[in-house]
Amino acid sequence: MNWANFFYMGGYGFYVWGSYIATLILLGAEVLQLLRRRKSLREQDRR
């Protein structure tokens, strides 16, 4: 098995890797949103 076959995944590589990328982007967006929300709540607590 070589790397090209691994990434191609029998013709399903586009869907598999696309799903991984979409998941990572959404998880990253969730983390950023949570960090912003936490910062906002802490600022509200100080007032």
PDB file of N, CA and C in Angstrom:
ATOM      1  N   MET A   1       0.848  -1.177   0.000  1.00  0.00           N
ATOM      2  CA  MET A   1       0.000   0.000   0.000  1.00  0.00           C
ATOM      3  C   MET A   1       0.894   1.241   0.000  1.00  0.00           C
ATOM      4  N   ASN A   2       0.582   2.170  -0.869  1.00  0.00           N
ATOM      5  CA  ASN A   2       1.329   3.425  -0.875  1.00  0.00           C
ATOM      6  C   ASN A   2       0.409   4.560  -0.412  1.00  0.00           C
ATOM      7  N   TRP A   3       0.982   5.747  -0.266  1.00  0.00           N
ATOM      8  CA  TRP A   3       0.221   6.883   0.259  1.00  0.00           C
ATOM      9  C   TRP A   3      -0.923   7.300  -0.657  1.00  0.00           C
ATOM     10  N   ALA A   4      -0.715   7.204  -1.969  1.00  0.00           N
ATOM     11  CA  ALA A   4      -1.773   7.587  -2.912  1.00  0.00           C
ATOM     12  C   ALA A   4      -3.004   6.702  -2.720  1.00  0.00           C
ATOM     13  N   ASN A   5      -2.785   5.406  -2.565  1.00  0.00           N
ATOM     14  CA  ASN A   5      -3.910   4.497  -2.324  1.00  0.00           C
ATOM     15  C   ASN A   5      -4.584   4.779  -0.991  1.00  0.00           C
ATOM     16  N   PHE A   6      -3.773   5.103   0.002  1.00  0.00           N
ATOM     17  CA  PHE A   6      -4.333   5.421   1.317  1.00  0.00           C
ATOM     18  C   PHE A   6      -5.251   6.634   1.236  1.00  0.00           C
ATOM     19  N   PHE A   7      -4.808   7.693   0.581  1.00  0.00           N
ATOM     20  CA  PHE A   7      -5.623   8.901   0.480  1.00  0.00           C
ATOM     21  C   PHE A   7      -6.806   8.729  -0.468  1.00  0.00           C
ATOM     22  N   TYR A   8      -6.655   7.885  -1.471  1.00  0.00           N
ATOM     23  CA  TYR A   8      -7.735   7.642  -2.435  1.00  0.00           C
ATOM     24  C   TYR A   8      -8.849   6.798  -1.815  1.00  0.00           C
ATOM     25  N   MET A   9      -8.496   5.882  -0.944  1.00  0.00           N
ATOM     26  CA  MET A   9      -9.423   5.017  -0.203  1.00  0.00           C
ATOM     27  C   MET A   9     -10.452   4.341  -1.094  1.00  0.00           C
ATOM     28  N   GLY A  10      -9.990   3.760  -2.158  1.00  0.00           N
ATOM     29  CA  GLY A  10     -10.879   3.003  -3.027  1.00  0.00           C
ATOM     30  C   GLY A  10     -11.943   3.846  -3.708  1.00  0.00           C
ATOM     31  N   GLY A  11     -11.657   5.114  -3.925  1.00  0.00           N
ATOM     32  CA  GLY A  11     -12.602   5.995  -4.593  1.00  0.00           C
ATOM     33  C   GLY A  11     -13.455   6.815  -3.644  1.00  0.00           C
ATOM     34  N   TYR A  12     -13.375   6.522  -2.352  1.00  0.00           N
ATOM     35  CA  TYR A  12     -14.182   7.241  -1.369  1.00  0.00           C
ATOM     36  C   TYR A  12     -13.386   8.284  -0.600  1.00  0.00           C
ATOM     37  N   GLY A  13     -12.154   8.495  -0.978  1.00  0.00           N
ATOM     38  CA  GLY A  13     -11.284   9.426  -0.261  1.00  0.00           C
ATOM     39  C   GLY A  13     -11.843  10.830  -0.177  1.00  0.00           C
ATOM     40  N   PHE A  14     -12.455  11.308  -1.255  1.00  0.00           N
ATOM     41  CA  PHE A  14     -13.019  12.660  -1.251  1.00  0.00           C
ATOM     42  C   PHE A  14     -14.049  12.813  -0.138  1.00  0.00           C
ATOM     43  N   TYR A  15     -14.916  11.814   0.018  1.00  0.00           N
ATOM     44  CA  TYR A  15     -15.967  11.877   1.036  1.00  0.00           C
ATOM     45  C   TYR A  15     -15.401  11.697   2.438  1.00  0.00           C
ATOM     46  N   VAL A  16     -14.471  10.768   2.573  1.00  0.00           N
ATOM     47  CA  VAL A  16     -13.883  10.503   3.886  1.00  0.00           C
ATOM     48  C   VAL A  16     -13.086  11.707   4.368  1.00  0.00           C
ATOM     49  N   TRP A  17     -12.166  12.199   3.535  1.00  0.00           N
ATOM     50  CA  TRP A  17     -11.330  13.322   3.947  1.00  0.00           C
ATOM     51  C   TRP A  17     -12.144  14.603   4.048  1.00  0.00           C
ATOM     52  N   GLY A  18     -13.137  14.754   3.196  1.00  0.00           N
ATOM     53  CA  GLY A  18     -14.028  15.910   3.299  1.00  0.00           C
ATOM     54  C   GLY A  18     -14.779  15.912   4.618  1.00  0.00           C
ATOM     55  N   SER A  19     -15.203  14.739   5.054  1.00  0.00           N
ATOM     56  CA  SER A  19     -15.899  14.620   6.337  1.00  0.00           C
ATOM     57  C   SER A  19     -14.972  14.953   7.499  1.00  0.00           C
ATOM     58  N   TYR A  20     -13.744  14.460   7.430  1.00  0.00           N
ATOM     59  CA  TYR A  20     -12.774  14.780   8.478  1.00  0.00           C
ATOM     60  C   TYR A  20     -12.510  16.285   8.535  1.00  0.00           C
ATOM     61  N   ILE A  21     -12.322  16.896   7.391  1.00  0.00           N
ATOM     62  CA  ILE A  21     -12.040  18.333   7.348  1.00  0.00           C
ATOM     63  C   ILE A  21     -13.223  19.131   7.871  1.00  0.00           C
ATOM     64  N   ALA A  22     -14.431  18.776   7.442  1.00  0.00           N
ATOM     65  CA  ALA A  22     -15.629  19.480   7.914  1.00  0.00           C
ATOM     66  C   ALA A  22     -15.776  19.340   9.425  1.00  0.00           C
ATOM     67  N   THR A  23     -15.522  18.148   9.946  1.00  0.00           N
ATOM     68  CA  THR A  23     -15.619  17.919  11.388  1.00  0.00           C
ATOM     69  C   THR A  23     -14.600  18.756  12.144  1.00  0.00           C
ATOM     70  N   LEU A  24     -13.365  18.791  11.663  1.00  0.00           N
ATOM     71  CA  LEU A  24     -12.334  19.585  12.334  1.00  0.00           C
ATOM     72  C   LEU A  24     -12.661  21.073  12.305  1.00  0.00           C
ATOM     73  N   ILE A  25     -13.180  21.554  11.184  1.00  0.00           N
ATOM     74  CA  ILE A  25     -13.558  22.968  11.087  1.00  0.00           C
ATOM     75  C   ILE A  25     -14.682  23.281  12.065  1.00  0.00           C
ATOM     76  N   LEU A  26     -15.695  22.423  12.114  1.00  0.00           N
ATOM     77  CA  LEU A  26     -16.821  22.662  13.018  1.00  0.00           C
ATOM     78  C   LEU A  26     -16.405  22.565  14.485  1.00  0.00           C
ATOM     79  N   LEU A  27     -15.550  21.607  14.813  1.00  0.00           N
ATOM     80  CA  LEU A  27     -15.065  21.508  16.192  1.00  0.00           C
ATOM     81  C   LEU A  27     -14.226  22.728  16.569  1.00  0.00           C
ATOM     82  N   GLY A  28     -13.398  23.188  15.645  1.00  0.00           N
ATOM     83  CA  GLY A  28     -12.609  24.391  15.895  1.00  0.00           C
ATOM     84  C   GLY A  28     -13.493  25.607  16.099  1.00  0.00           C
ATOM     85  N   ALA A  29     -14.542  25.734  15.287  1.00  0.00           N
ATOM     86  CA  ALA A  29     -15.477  26.850  15.437  1.00  0.00           C
ATOM     87  C   ALA A  29     -16.193  26.771  16.779  1.00  0.00           C
ATOM     88  N   GLU A  30     -16.545  25.571  17.212  1.00  0.00           N
ATOM     89  CA  GLU A  30     -17.206  25.390  18.503  1.00  0.00           C
ATOM     90  C   GLU A  30     -16.290  25.818  19.651  1.00  0.00           C
ATOM     91  N   VAL A  31     -15.032  25.425  19.587  1.00  0.00           N
ATOM     92  CA  VAL A  31     -14.075  25.808  20.631  1.00  0.00           C
ATOM     93  C   VAL A  31     -13.915  27.323  20.672  1.00  0.00           C
ATOM     94  N   LEU A  32     -13.771  27.953  19.511  1.00  0.00           N
ATOM     95  CA  LEU A  32     -13.644  29.413  19.478  1.00  0.00           C
ATOM     96  C   LEU A  32     -14.883  30.094  20.038  1.00  0.00           C
ATOM     97  N   GLN A  33     -16.047  29.586  19.693  1.00  0.00           N
ATOM     98  CA  GLN A  33     -17.291  30.167  20.195  1.00  0.00           C
ATOM     99  C   GLN A  33     -17.377  30.021  21.718  1.00  0.00           C
ATOM    100  N   LEU A  34     -16.988  28.869  22.230  1.00  0.00           N
ATOM    101  CA  LEU A  34     -17.010  28.667  23.676  1.00  0.00           C
ATOM    102  C   LEU A  34     -16.025  29.591  24.387  1.00  0.00           C
ATOM    103  N   LEU A  35     -14.846  29.778  23.818  1.00  0.00           N
ATOM    104  CA  LEU A  35     -13.864  30.676  24.429  1.00  0.00           C
ATOM    105  C   LEU A  35     -14.367  32.117  24.442  1.00  0.00           C
ATOM    106  N   ARG A  36     -14.980  32.543  23.344  1.00  0.00           N
ATOM    107  CA  ARG A  36     -15.535  33.900  23.294  1.00  0.00           C
ATOM    108  C   ARG A  36     -16.664  34.066  24.298  1.00  0.00           C
ATOM    109  N   ARG A  37     -17.514  33.051  24.414  1.00  0.00           N
ATOM    110  CA  ARG A  37     -18.635  33.114  25.356  1.00  0.00           C
ATOM    111  C   ARG A  37     -18.117  33.174  26.791  1.00  0.00           C
ATOM    112  N   ARG A  38     -17.097  32.389  27.092  1.00  0.00           N
ATOM    113  CA  ARG A  38     -16.530  32.402  28.438  1.00  0.00           C
ATOM    114  C   ARG A  38     -15.953  33.772  28.762  1.00  0.00           C
ATOM    115  N   LYS A  39     -15.248  34.356  27.794  1.00  0.00           N
ATOM    116  CA  LYS A  39     -14.678  35.687  27.996  1.00  0.00           C
ATOM    117  C   LYS A  39     -15.784  36.710  28.227  1.00  0.00           C
ATOM    118  N   SER A  40     -16.847  36.626  27.451  1.00  0.00           N
ATOM    119  CA  SER A  40     -17.971  37.547  27.587  1.00  0.00           C
ATOM    120  C   SER A  40     -18.631  37.408  28.959  1.00  0.00           C
ATOM    121  N   LEU A  41     -18.817  36.182  29.413  1.00  0.00           N
ATOM    122  CA  LEU A  41     -19.439  35.965  30.719  1.00  0.00           C
ATOM    123  C   LEU A  41     -18.551  36.473  31.850  1.00  0.00           C
ATOM    124  N   ARG A  42     -17.254  36.292  31.718  1.00  0.00           N
ATOM    125  CA  ARG A  42     -16.341  36.804  32.746  1.00  0.00           C
ATOM    126  C   ARG A  42     -16.363  38.329  32.793  1.00  0.00           C
ATOM    127  N   GLU A  43     -16.453  38.968  31.626  1.00  0.00           N
ATOM    128  CA  GLU A  43     -16.534  40.426  31.590  1.00  0.00           C
ATOM    129  C   GLU A  43     -17.842  40.908  32.201  1.00  0.00           C
ATOM    130  N   GLN A  44     -18.922  40.192  31.984  1.00  0.00           N
ATOM    131  CA  GLN A  44     -20.205  40.558  32.582  1.00  0.00           C
ATOM    132  C   GLN A  44     -20.159  40.379  34.094  1.00  0.00           C
ATOM    133  N   ASP A  45     -19.456  39.368  34.567  1.00  0.00           N
ATOM    134  CA  ASP A  45     -19.323  39.128  36.003  1.00  0.00           C
ATOM    135  C   ASP A  45     -18.591  40.267  36.703  1.00  0.00           C
ATOM    136  N   ARG A  46     -17.638  40.866  36.020  1.00  0.00           N
ATOM    137  CA  ARG A  46     -16.840  41.940  36.615  1.00  0.00           C
ATOM    138  C   ARG A  46     -17.646  43.219  36.799  1.00  0.00           C
ATOM    139  N   ARG A  47     -18.710  43.384  36.034  1.00  0.00           N
ATOM    140  CA  ARG A  47     -19.502  44.623  36.092  1.00  0.00           C
ATOM    141  C   ARG A  47     -20.386  44.687  37.285  1.00  0.00           C
TER     142      ARG A  47
END
